[in-house]
N, C-alpha and C. Protein backbone atom coordinates (compact mmCIF):
# COMPACT_ATOMS: atom_id res chain seq x y z
N MET A 1 -24.41 37.23 -2.69
CA MET A 1 -25.19 36.67 -2.65
C MET A 1 -26.07 36.23 -1.36
N ASP A 2 -27.27 35.39 -1.80
CA ASP A 2 -28.50 36.07 -0.50
C ASP A 2 -28.13 34.46 0.11
N PHE A 3 -28.04 35.35 1.35
CA PHE A 3 -28.52 34.64 2.88
C PHE A 3 -28.00 33.26 3.03
N CYS A 4 -29.91 32.74 2.35
CA CYS A 4 -29.95 31.02 1.92
C CYS A 4 -29.08 30.35 1.54
N LEU A 5 -28.30 30.69 -0.15
CA LEU A 5 -28.21 30.27 -0.44
C LEU A 5 -26.50 29.86 0.01
N ARG A 6 -25.65 31.18 0.54
CA ARG A 6 -24.39 30.90 1.30
C ARG A 6 -24.61 30.03 2.63
N ARG A 7 -25.27 29.24 3.36
CA ARG A 7 -26.20 28.35 3.76
C ARG A 7 -27.05 27.23 3.43
N PHE A 8 -27.24 27.13 2.54
CA PHE A 8 -26.84 25.43 1.54
C PHE A 8 -25.24 25.01 0.88
N LEU A 9 -25.32 26.35 0.61
CA LEU A 9 -23.35 26.26 0.54
C LEU A 9 -22.49 25.58 1.02
N ALA A 10 -22.48 26.09 2.84
CA ALA A 10 -22.03 26.02 3.36
C ALA A 10 -22.38 24.71 3.60
N PHE A 11 -23.62 24.04 4.53
CA PHE A 11 -23.96 22.64 4.04
C PHE A 11 -23.66 21.54 3.44
N LEU A 12 -23.83 21.72 2.05
CA LEU A 12 -22.71 21.14 1.60
C LEU A 12 -20.78 20.57 1.23
N LEU A 13 -20.72 21.63 2.07
CA LEU A 13 -19.45 22.06 2.01
C LEU A 13 -18.89 20.86 3.02
N ILE A 14 -19.84 21.69 3.99
CA ILE A 14 -19.52 20.37 5.08
C ILE A 14 -20.30 19.01 5.29
N GLY A 15 -21.10 18.96 5.03
CA GLY A 15 -21.53 17.78 4.80
C GLY A 15 -20.47 16.78 3.56
N GLY A 16 -19.39 17.22 2.96
CA GLY A 16 -19.25 16.25 2.01
C GLY A 16 -17.56 16.10 2.40
N VAL A 17 -17.85 17.48 3.95
CA VAL A 17 -15.93 16.75 4.13
C VAL A 17 -16.08 15.67 5.22
N LEU A 18 -17.60 16.13 6.44
CA LEU A 18 -17.59 14.80 6.85
C LEU A 18 -17.91 13.29 6.30
N ALA A 19 -18.64 13.76 4.71
CA ALA A 19 -18.80 12.22 4.34
C ALA A 19 -17.09 11.64 3.91
N ARG A 20 -16.88 12.25 3.35
CA ARG A 20 -14.98 11.64 2.92
C ARG A 20 -15.00 11.18 4.52
N ARG A 21 -14.35 11.89 5.21
CA ARG A 21 -14.32 11.52 6.45
C ARG A 21 -15.33 9.83 7.03
N ASN A 22 -15.51 10.00 6.74
CA ASN A 22 -16.80 9.40 7.62
C ASN A 22 -16.33 7.52 6.08
N GLY A 23 -16.17 7.79 5.35
CA GLY A 23 -15.50 6.61 4.62
C GLY A 23 -14.79 6.27 4.60
N ASP A 24 -13.36 7.48 5.20
CA ASP A 24 -12.64 6.77 5.18
C ASP A 24 -11.74 5.83 7.04
N ALA A 25 -11.96 4.69 6.65
CA ALA A 25 -11.70 3.62 8.33
C ALA A 25 -10.14 4.56 8.68
N SER A 26 -10.69 4.27 10.64
CA SER A 26 -9.57 4.17 11.16
C SER A 26 -8.86 2.72 10.56
N PHE A 27 -6.96 3.35 11.04
CA PHE A 27 -6.83 2.65 10.98
C PHE A 27 -6.49 1.31 11.77
N ASP A 28 -6.95 1.27 13.31
CA ASP A 28 -7.23 0.88 14.23
C ASP A 28 -8.48 -0.86 13.56
N ARG A 29 -9.61 -0.06 13.30
CA ARG A 29 -10.59 -0.93 12.72
C ARG A 29 -10.12 -2.08 11.60
N ASN A 30 -8.58 -2.54 11.21
CA ASN A 30 -8.48 -2.93 10.38
C ASN A 30 -7.02 -3.88 11.24
N TYR A 31 -6.34 -3.27 10.88
CA TYR A 31 -5.36 -3.64 11.14
C TYR A 31 -4.68 -3.06 12.16
N ASP A 32 -2.87 -3.65 12.52
CA ASP A 32 -1.82 -4.10 14.32
C ASP A 32 -0.83 -3.40 13.15
N ILE A 33 -0.23 -2.50 15.01
CA ILE A 33 1.49 -2.68 14.28
C ILE A 33 1.55 -4.03 14.42
N THR A 34 3.24 -4.71 13.65
CA THR A 34 3.53 -5.73 13.73
C THR A 34 4.80 -5.86 14.19
N TRP A 35 5.23 -4.57 14.01
CA TRP A 35 6.70 -4.15 14.32
C TRP A 35 7.55 -2.79 14.62
N GLY A 36 8.37 -2.31 16.00
CA GLY A 36 8.42 -0.68 14.94
C GLY A 36 7.86 -0.12 15.83
N ASN A 37 6.89 0.17 17.12
CA ASN A 37 5.58 1.09 17.87
C ASN A 37 6.35 2.42 17.84
N ASP A 38 8.02 2.69 17.89
CA ASP A 38 7.98 4.08 18.39
C ASP A 38 8.58 4.89 16.83
N HIS A 39 8.35 3.97 15.54
CA HIS A 39 8.95 4.16 14.28
C HIS A 39 7.55 4.31 13.34
N VAL A 40 6.09 4.68 14.54
CA VAL A 40 5.28 4.87 13.98
C VAL A 40 3.58 6.17 14.43
N LEU A 41 3.30 6.36 13.67
CA LEU A 41 3.09 7.39 14.14
C LEU A 41 1.35 7.72 13.24
N SER A 42 0.37 8.19 14.35
CA SER A 42 -0.53 8.25 13.86
C SER A 42 -1.54 9.73 13.56
N ILE A 43 -2.35 9.62 11.96
CA ILE A 43 -2.56 11.35 12.45
C ILE A 43 -3.79 11.06 11.20
N ASP A 44 -3.95 12.16 11.72
CA ASP A 44 -5.61 12.20 11.73
C ASP A 44 -7.12 11.65 11.68
N GLU A 45 -6.26 11.44 13.59
CA GLU A 45 -7.38 10.37 13.83
C GLU A 45 -7.35 8.59 13.27
N GLY A 46 -6.12 8.40 12.78
CA GLY A 46 -5.92 6.99 12.77
C GLY A 46 -5.95 6.66 10.58
N ARG A 47 -6.49 8.18 10.10
CA ARG A 47 -6.82 7.89 8.68
C ARG A 47 -5.98 7.79 8.41
N GLN A 48 -4.76 8.30 8.86
CA GLN A 48 -2.77 8.11 8.40
C GLN A 48 -2.26 7.43 9.33
N ILE A 49 -1.90 6.94 8.75
CA ILE A 49 -0.87 6.30 9.12
C ILE A 49 1.04 6.60 8.33
N GLN A 50 1.81 7.47 9.07
CA GLN A 50 3.42 7.29 8.61
C GLN A 50 4.06 6.07 9.29
N LEU A 51 4.65 5.79 9.14
CA LEU A 51 6.04 4.65 9.34
C LEU A 51 7.92 5.09 9.14
N SER A 52 8.39 5.53 9.22
CA SER A 52 9.49 6.26 9.44
C SER A 52 10.56 4.68 10.09
N LEU A 53 11.89 5.58 8.46
CA LEU A 53 13.41 4.29 8.99
C LEU A 53 13.68 5.59 9.28
N ASP A 54 14.93 5.46 10.64
CA ASP A 54 16.63 6.15 10.44
C ASP A 54 17.17 4.81 10.09
N ASN A 55 18.51 5.08 11.00
CA ASN A 55 19.69 3.96 11.58
C ASN A 55 19.17 2.32 12.03
N SER A 56 18.30 2.98 12.89
CA SER A 56 18.46 1.73 13.96
C SER A 56 16.57 1.48 13.68
N SER A 57 16.07 1.44 12.78
CA SER A 57 14.99 0.53 12.62
C SER A 57 13.79 0.97 12.14
N GLY A 58 12.90 0.41 11.09
CA GLY A 58 12.43 0.39 10.28
C GLY A 58 10.53 0.54 11.31
N ALA A 59 9.52 0.58 10.56
CA ALA A 59 8.30 -0.35 10.95
C ALA A 59 7.30 -0.82 9.93
N GLY A 60 6.85 -1.49 10.78
CA GLY A 60 5.13 -2.48 9.71
C GLY A 60 3.63 -2.80 10.50
N PHE A 61 3.63 -2.97 9.58
CA PHE A 61 2.12 -3.19 10.63
C PHE A 61 1.50 -3.82 9.14
N GLY A 62 -0.05 -4.92 9.70
CA GLY A 62 -0.31 -5.98 8.99
C GLY A 62 -1.89 -6.25 9.56
N SER A 63 -2.95 -7.29 8.93
CA SER A 63 -4.79 -6.60 9.00
C SER A 63 -4.38 -7.39 9.70
N LYS A 64 -5.40 -7.51 10.37
CA LYS A 64 -6.12 -8.35 11.24
C LYS A 64 -6.42 -9.30 10.55
N LEU A 65 -6.78 -9.95 9.80
CA LEU A 65 -6.58 -10.95 9.65
C LEU A 65 -6.72 -11.22 7.63
N SER A 66 -6.59 -12.65 7.19
CA SER A 66 -5.90 -13.10 6.03
C SER A 66 -7.33 -12.81 4.56
N PHE A 67 -6.45 -12.63 3.34
CA PHE A 67 -7.60 -12.55 2.29
C PHE A 67 -7.64 -13.73 1.45
N GLY A 68 -8.42 -13.88 0.60
CA GLY A 68 -8.39 -15.10 -0.96
C GLY A 68 -8.00 -14.36 -1.96
N SER A 69 -9.27 -13.33 -2.05
CA SER A 69 -10.01 -12.16 -2.94
C SER A 69 -10.04 -11.20 -2.41
N GLY A 70 -9.77 -9.93 -2.71
CA GLY A 70 -10.66 -8.74 -2.28
C GLY A 70 -10.83 -7.86 -3.55
N PHE A 71 -10.87 -6.26 -2.38
CA PHE A 71 -9.90 -5.12 -3.53
C PHE A 71 -9.85 -4.22 -2.35
N ILE A 72 -8.54 -4.10 -2.54
CA ILE A 72 -8.24 -3.04 -1.86
C ILE A 72 -7.60 -1.53 -2.12
N HIS A 73 -8.22 -1.06 -1.53
CA HIS A 73 -7.61 0.54 -2.31
C HIS A 73 -7.43 1.83 -1.61
N MET A 74 -5.32 1.15 -1.38
CA MET A 74 -4.73 2.06 -0.48
C MET A 74 -3.77 2.92 -1.49
N ARG A 75 -3.57 4.51 -0.41
CA ARG A 75 -2.93 6.07 -1.14
C ARG A 75 -1.53 5.32 -0.12
N ILE A 76 -0.46 5.09 -0.74
CA ILE A 76 0.98 4.47 -0.80
C ILE A 76 2.02 5.78 -1.02
N LYS A 77 2.28 6.79 0.20
CA LYS A 77 3.25 7.85 -0.54
C LYS A 77 4.52 7.37 -0.33
N LEU A 78 5.25 7.43 -0.92
CA LEU A 78 6.93 7.23 -0.82
C LEU A 78 7.94 7.72 -0.57
N PRO A 79 8.66 7.73 0.61
CA PRO A 79 9.65 8.59 0.38
C PRO A 79 10.69 9.19 -0.28
N GLY A 80 10.85 10.22 0.19
CA GLY A 80 11.74 11.48 -1.05
C GLY A 80 13.28 11.78 -1.15
N LYS A 81 13.47 12.48 -1.26
CA LYS A 81 14.55 12.42 -1.57
C LYS A 81 15.54 10.92 -1.64
N ASP A 82 16.68 11.23 -1.38
CA ASP A 82 17.74 10.50 -1.73
C ASP A 82 16.89 8.94 -1.15
N SER A 83 16.89 7.76 -1.48
CA SER A 83 15.99 6.94 -0.42
C SER A 83 16.56 5.41 -1.20
N ALA A 84 17.85 5.30 -2.11
CA ALA A 84 18.23 4.04 -3.14
C ALA A 84 18.64 2.94 -1.35
N GLY A 85 18.00 2.01 -1.60
CA GLY A 85 17.79 1.02 -0.61
C GLY A 85 16.51 1.52 0.69
N VAL A 86 15.70 2.20 0.70
CA VAL A 86 14.40 2.19 1.50
C VAL A 86 13.65 1.58 0.57
N VAL A 87 13.15 0.31 1.39
CA VAL A 87 11.91 -0.39 0.81
C VAL A 87 10.82 -0.24 1.22
N THR A 88 9.89 -0.14 0.37
CA THR A 88 8.21 0.68 1.23
C THR A 88 7.52 -0.88 0.56
N ALA A 89 6.56 -1.83 1.45
CA ALA A 89 6.36 -2.51 0.57
C ALA A 89 4.85 -3.99 0.70
N PHE A 90 4.41 -3.39 0.51
CA PHE A 90 2.33 -3.69 0.61
C PHE A 90 2.47 -4.87 -0.12
N TYR A 91 2.07 -6.23 0.49
CA TYR A 91 1.63 -7.68 0.09
C TYR A 91 0.10 -7.16 0.93
N PRO A 92 -1.26 -7.73 -0.53
CA PRO A 92 -2.77 -7.80 -0.01
C PRO A 92 -3.02 -8.60 0.59
N MET A 93 -2.33 -9.74 0.39
CA MET A 93 -4.13 -11.11 1.09
C MET A 93 -3.62 -11.29 1.95
N GLN A 94 -2.43 -11.37 3.42
CA GLN A 94 -2.17 -11.17 4.12
C GLN A 94 -1.44 -9.67 4.42
N ILE A 95 -2.33 -8.92 4.77
CA ILE A 95 -2.81 -6.58 3.99
C ILE A 95 -0.67 -7.11 5.25
N GLU A 96 0.14 -6.63 3.95
CA GLU A 96 0.78 -6.43 5.45
C GLU A 96 1.51 -4.92 4.28
N ALA A 97 2.60 -4.27 5.59
CA ALA A 97 3.60 -3.08 4.94
C ALA A 97 4.35 -2.81 5.80
N SER A 98 5.43 -2.08 5.21
CA SER A 98 6.66 -1.96 6.55
C SER A 98 7.44 -1.26 5.38
N LEU A 99 8.68 -0.52 5.89
CA LEU A 99 9.59 0.44 5.36
C LEU A 99 9.95 -0.57 6.45
N TRP A 100 11.42 -0.45 5.50
CA TRP A 100 13.39 -1.04 6.38
C TRP A 100 13.78 -0.69 5.06
N ASP A 101 15.06 -0.91 6.36
CA ASP A 101 16.40 -0.97 4.70
C ASP A 101 16.71 -2.02 4.42
N GLY A 102 16.51 -2.45 2.90
CA GLY A 102 17.48 -2.89 2.24
C GLY A 102 18.47 -2.93 1.43
N ASP A 103 19.01 -2.37 1.46
CA ASP A 103 20.68 -1.82 0.54
C ASP A 103 21.32 -3.28 1.05
N SER A 104 21.17 -4.10 0.85
CA SER A 104 22.29 -5.44 0.75
C SER A 104 21.95 -5.89 -0.05
N TRP A 105 20.93 -6.02 -0.51
CA TRP A 105 20.19 -6.54 -1.85
C TRP A 105 19.29 -5.34 -2.66
N ALA A 106 18.59 -5.10 -2.34
CA ALA A 106 16.72 -4.05 -3.54
C ALA A 106 18.05 -2.93 -4.44
N THR A 107 19.10 -1.74 -4.21
CA THR A 107 20.13 -1.42 -5.00
C THR A 107 20.31 -2.18 -6.06
N ASP A 108 20.74 -2.21 -6.78
CA ASP A 108 21.98 -3.48 -8.37
C ASP A 108 22.68 -3.75 -7.25
N GLY A 109 22.24 -5.21 -6.68
CA GLY A 109 21.95 -6.34 -5.31
C GLY A 109 23.12 -5.83 -4.47
N GLY A 110 22.54 -5.10 -3.84
CA GLY A 110 23.75 -4.28 -2.93
C GLY A 110 24.02 -3.10 -3.20
N GLN A 111 24.81 -2.46 -4.69
CA GLN A 111 25.37 -1.74 -4.93
C GLN A 111 25.41 -1.12 -4.20
N THR A 112 24.08 0.09 -4.36
CA THR A 112 24.10 1.10 -3.56
C THR A 112 23.49 1.22 -2.84
N LYS A 113 24.30 2.14 -1.31
CA LYS A 113 23.95 2.26 -0.11
C LYS A 113 23.05 3.28 0.03
N THR A 114 22.44 3.11 0.78
CA THR A 114 21.40 4.08 1.78
C THR A 114 22.08 5.03 2.77
N ASN A 115 21.95 6.49 1.92
CA ASN A 115 22.49 7.47 2.52
C ASN A 115 21.56 7.90 3.90
N TRP A 116 22.25 7.76 4.64
CA TRP A 116 21.44 8.23 5.70
C TRP A 116 21.19 9.36 6.07
N SER A 117 22.44 10.33 6.08
CA SER A 117 22.59 11.99 6.36
C SER A 117 20.59 12.55 5.56
N HIS A 118 20.04 11.02 4.84
CA HIS A 118 18.58 12.01 4.27
C HIS A 118 17.90 11.25 5.80
N ALA A 119 18.25 10.78 6.59
CA ALA A 119 17.35 9.87 7.68
C ALA A 119 16.67 11.26 8.49
N PRO A 120 15.88 10.92 8.94
CA PRO A 120 14.68 9.61 8.91
C PRO A 120 13.94 9.52 7.87
N PHE A 121 13.62 8.43 6.67
CA PHE A 121 12.87 8.02 5.78
C PHE A 121 11.62 8.22 5.99
N GLN A 122 10.30 8.69 4.89
CA GLN A 122 9.12 8.84 6.21
C GLN A 122 8.28 8.11 4.78
N THR A 123 7.31 7.26 4.98
CA THR A 123 6.18 7.06 3.86
C THR A 123 4.35 6.85 4.42
N HIS A 124 4.04 7.36 3.86
CA HIS A 124 2.43 7.55 4.49
C HIS A 124 1.48 7.11 4.12
N PHE A 125 1.10 5.75 4.80
CA PHE A 125 -0.81 5.52 3.92
C PHE A 125 -1.71 5.87 4.07
N GLN A 126 -2.97 6.19 3.82
CA GLN A 126 -3.94 6.59 3.78
C GLN A 126 -5.25 4.74 3.02
N GLY A 127 -6.43 5.48 3.88
CA GLY A 127 -6.87 4.34 2.81
C GLY A 127 -7.35 3.09 3.40
N PHE A 128 -7.47 3.03 4.96
CA PHE A 128 -7.17 1.55 5.08
C PHE A 128 -9.32 1.09 5.39
N ASP A 129 -9.99 1.08 4.82
CA ASP A 129 -10.60 0.16 3.77
C ASP A 129 -10.87 -1.34 3.72
N VAL A 130 -10.34 -2.15 3.91
CA VAL A 130 -11.10 -2.89 2.90
C VAL A 130 -12.11 -3.79 2.35
N ASN A 131 -12.80 -4.71 0.89
CA ASN A 131 -13.52 -4.98 1.06
C ASN A 131 -13.30 -5.74 0.02
N GLY A 132 -13.07 -7.09 1.24
CA GLY A 132 -12.44 -8.52 0.35
C GLY A 132 -12.99 -9.88 1.13
N CYS A 133 -12.89 -10.37 0.84
CA CYS A 133 -13.39 -12.26 0.93
C CYS A 133 -11.71 -12.96 2.64
N SER A 134 -12.60 -12.53 3.42
CA SER A 134 -11.45 -13.20 5.31
C SER A 134 -11.40 -14.16 4.86
N VAL A 135 -10.90 -15.24 4.80
CA VAL A 135 -10.52 -16.62 5.48
C VAL A 135 -9.62 -17.15 6.70
N GLN A 136 -10.65 -18.36 6.97
CA GLN A 136 -9.91 -18.10 8.57
C GLN A 136 -8.99 -19.68 8.80
N ASP A 137 -9.15 -20.31 7.51
CA ASP A 137 -8.33 -21.71 7.48
C ASP A 137 -7.94 -21.78 5.87
N SER A 138 -7.54 -22.52 5.49
CA SER A 138 -6.56 -22.65 3.77
C SER A 138 -8.20 -22.86 3.04
N ASP A 139 -8.92 -22.51 3.44
CA ASP A 139 -10.64 -23.27 1.39
C ASP A 139 -10.04 -21.75 1.80
N ILE A 140 -9.60 -21.37 0.61
CA ILE A 140 -9.84 -19.86 -0.59
C ILE A 140 -10.63 -19.96 -1.48
N GLN A 141 -11.00 -21.62 -2.02
CA GLN A 141 -12.15 -21.17 -2.53
C GLN A 141 -12.92 -20.81 -3.45
N PRO A 142 -14.07 -20.06 -1.44
CA PRO A 142 -15.29 -19.95 -2.11
C PRO A 142 -15.10 -18.47 -2.16
N CYS A 143 -13.99 -17.84 -1.78
CA CYS A 143 -13.23 -16.05 -2.33
C CYS A 143 -13.24 -16.32 -4.27
N TYR A 144 -13.33 -17.36 -4.60
CA TYR A 144 -13.42 -17.42 -5.95
C TYR A 144 -14.79 -17.20 -6.90
N SER A 145 -15.80 -16.90 -5.33
CA SER A 145 -17.00 -16.72 -6.60
C SER A 145 -17.33 -15.12 -7.05
N THR A 146 -17.65 -15.77 -7.74
CA THR A 146 -18.67 -14.75 -8.97
C THR A 146 -19.72 -13.46 -7.75
N ASN A 147 -19.47 -13.83 -6.80
CA ASN A 147 -21.09 -13.30 -6.08
C ASN A 147 -20.18 -11.63 -5.99
N TYR A 148 -18.65 -12.28 -5.33
CA TYR A 148 -17.44 -10.98 -5.38
C TYR A 148 -18.00 -9.88 -5.95
N TRP A 149 -18.12 -8.62 -6.17
CA TRP A 149 -17.92 -7.95 -7.80
C TRP A 149 -16.76 -8.23 -8.72
N TRP A 150 -15.20 -7.94 -7.63
CA TRP A 150 -13.88 -7.93 -7.84
C TRP A 150 -13.53 -9.61 -8.56
N ASN A 151 -14.62 -10.32 -9.32
CA ASN A 151 -13.92 -11.33 -9.32
C ASN A 151 -14.83 -11.84 -10.78
N SER A 152 -15.17 -10.54 -11.06
CA SER A 152 -16.08 -10.64 -12.51
C SER A 152 -15.15 -10.59 -13.89
N ARG A 153 -14.90 -10.58 -14.94
CA ARG A 153 -14.41 -11.33 -15.71
C ARG A 153 -13.18 -9.40 -16.64
N LYS A 154 -14.44 -8.14 -15.99
CA LYS A 154 -13.98 -7.12 -16.22
C LYS A 154 -12.87 -6.86 -15.25
N TYR A 155 -12.72 -7.35 -14.38
CA TYR A 155 -11.14 -7.25 -13.64
C TYR A 155 -10.02 -7.52 -13.76
N TRP A 156 -10.09 -8.98 -14.34
CA TRP A 156 -9.18 -9.93 -14.89
C TRP A 156 -7.86 -9.51 -16.09
N THR A 157 -7.97 -8.75 -17.10
CA THR A 157 -7.01 -8.22 -17.36
C THR A 157 -7.12 -6.38 -17.25
N LEU A 158 -5.92 -5.81 -18.08
CA LEU A 158 -5.88 -4.19 -18.31
C LEU A 158 -6.12 -3.95 -18.70
N ASP A 159 -6.89 -3.57 -19.59
CA ASP A 159 -8.05 -2.40 -20.75
C ASP A 159 -6.65 -1.64 -22.08
N SER A 160 -6.03 -1.51 -21.97
CA SER A 160 -5.24 -0.05 -22.99
C SER A 160 -4.98 0.34 -22.45
N THR A 161 -5.34 1.20 -21.66
CA THR A 161 -4.67 2.83 -21.10
C THR A 161 -3.79 1.80 -19.96
N GLN A 162 -4.96 1.25 -19.13
CA GLN A 162 -4.13 0.74 -18.07
C GLN A 162 -2.98 -0.36 -18.25
N LYS A 163 -2.84 -0.51 -19.81
CA LYS A 163 -1.27 -1.22 -20.46
C LYS A 163 -0.62 -0.55 -20.02
N ARG A 164 -1.29 1.05 -20.98
CA ARG A 164 0.33 1.90 -21.54
C ARG A 164 0.51 2.66 -19.78
N ALA A 165 -0.42 3.07 -19.14
CA ALA A 165 0.23 3.48 -17.33
C ALA A 165 1.02 2.39 -17.35
N TYR A 166 0.31 1.26 -16.47
CA TYR A 166 1.65 0.88 -15.92
C TYR A 166 3.31 0.39 -16.80
N GLU A 167 2.89 0.45 -18.16
CA GLU A 167 4.28 0.48 -18.97
C GLU A 167 4.43 2.02 -19.00
N ASN A 168 4.44 2.31 -18.86
CA ASN A 168 5.64 3.61 -18.25
C ASN A 168 6.22 4.80 -16.83
N VAL A 169 4.60 3.45 -16.10
CA VAL A 169 5.15 4.01 -14.45
C VAL A 169 7.13 2.88 -14.07
N ARG A 170 6.30 1.79 -15.43
CA ARG A 170 7.73 0.97 -15.07
C ARG A 170 9.37 1.16 -15.67
N LYS A 171 8.83 1.54 -16.78
CA LYS A 171 9.85 2.78 -17.37
C LYS A 171 10.76 3.31 -16.58
N LYS A 172 10.21 3.88 -16.16
CA LYS A 172 10.33 5.88 -15.88
C LYS A 172 10.85 4.52 -13.66
N TYR A 173 10.93 4.29 -13.14
CA TYR A 173 10.48 4.36 -12.33
C TYR A 173 11.06 2.64 -11.63
N LEU A 174 10.61 1.56 -12.15
CA LEU A 174 11.07 0.54 -11.94
C LEU A 174 12.90 0.25 -11.68
N THR A 175 14.05 0.60 -10.39
CA THR A 175 14.93 -0.31 -10.91
C THR A 175 15.34 -1.70 -9.76
N TYR A 176 14.35 -2.22 -9.99
CA TYR A 176 14.70 -4.31 -9.28
C TYR A 176 13.05 -4.45 -9.33
N ASP A 177 12.69 -5.79 -10.67
CA ASP A 177 12.72 -7.27 -10.35
C ASP A 177 12.64 -8.20 -9.96
N TYR A 178 11.79 -8.40 -8.98
CA TYR A 178 12.55 -9.58 -8.23
C TYR A 178 12.77 -11.28 -9.08
N CYS A 179 11.50 -10.91 -10.07
CA CYS A 179 11.57 -11.73 -11.01
C CYS A 179 12.18 -12.22 -12.12
N SER A 180 13.50 -11.03 -12.64
CA SER A 180 13.87 -10.40 -13.98
C SER A 180 14.98 -10.72 -13.19
N ASP A 181 15.50 -11.36 -11.75
CA ASP A 181 16.91 -11.24 -10.74
C ASP A 181 17.14 -12.93 -10.21
N ARG A 182 17.59 -13.44 -11.81
CA ARG A 182 17.76 -14.82 -11.92
C ARG A 182 19.08 -15.38 -10.59
N PRO A 183 20.85 -14.64 -11.36
CA PRO A 183 20.64 -15.19 -9.84
C PRO A 183 20.32 -15.28 -8.08
N ARG A 184 19.60 -15.18 -7.83
CA ARG A 184 19.22 -14.67 -6.25
C ARG A 184 18.40 -15.46 -6.49
N TYR A 185 17.13 -16.12 -7.50
CA TYR A 185 16.17 -16.55 -8.05
C TYR A 185 16.14 -17.59 -9.27
N PRO A 186 17.18 -18.46 -9.26
CA PRO A 186 17.00 -19.48 -10.41
C PRO A 186 15.98 -19.67 -10.96
N THR A 187 15.02 -19.71 -9.97
CA THR A 187 13.90 -20.21 -10.77
C THR A 187 12.31 -19.99 -9.67
N PRO A 188 11.89 -19.00 -10.65
CA PRO A 188 11.61 -17.35 -10.33
C PRO A 188 10.07 -18.06 -9.21
N PRO A 189 9.20 -17.67 -8.57
CA PRO A 189 8.60 -16.98 -8.13
C PRO A 189 7.41 -17.88 -8.93
N PRO A 190 6.30 -18.18 -8.20
CA PRO A 190 5.29 -18.51 -8.86
C PRO A 190 4.60 -18.32 -10.26
N GLU A 191 4.37 -16.42 -9.47
CA GLU A 191 3.31 -15.32 -9.54
C GLU A 191 4.34 -14.36 -10.40
N CYS A 192 5.91 -15.27 -11.04
CA CYS A 192 6.55 -14.48 -12.04
C CYS A 192 6.00 -14.91 -13.73
N PRO A 193 5.81 -14.06 -14.52
CA PRO A 193 5.39 -14.99 -16.16
C PRO A 193 7.36 -16.02 -16.54
N GLN A 194 6.86 -16.46 -17.20
CA GLN A 194 7.64 -18.09 -17.46
C GLN A 194 7.89 -17.45 -18.91
């Protein structure tokens, strides 16, 4: 391979890596740690955050802004091993994420307890860019505008391939659904199908 071609390929490789890194917002740009500071680890210059849970504490973070609508793409790696009772949560409108001990209710009504011999449990988050309509007060009406690409009809429902993938994940991995928990929620929350 001649020298010019090698230089060109090296340029493309380095440029691609730098472009990818510049597209990933750092955690600090859009988020703050809300609790469990000593159980949060920043990795790769803030492009990845690790939350840890042991028998003393978990951790959480939240967005600096609230959102009425938007497109949030976050990569989440859930804890491995026997992690029954370990809750990793992500709530997008006031973007919040946490890792905490939920074994008193999240595992078959609290019947399965967390196996602390596998602690610390760790979850990782990447992709801290937010493309959303932020709200300062309770008026979210402007966030329904079709000026935002994510509000177009194309995104209102899943296509057949997406529906099959969704149902496959539900069948294989879902162990608890609060929408089906009638003893706990006799009247289901409004987001649950009636």
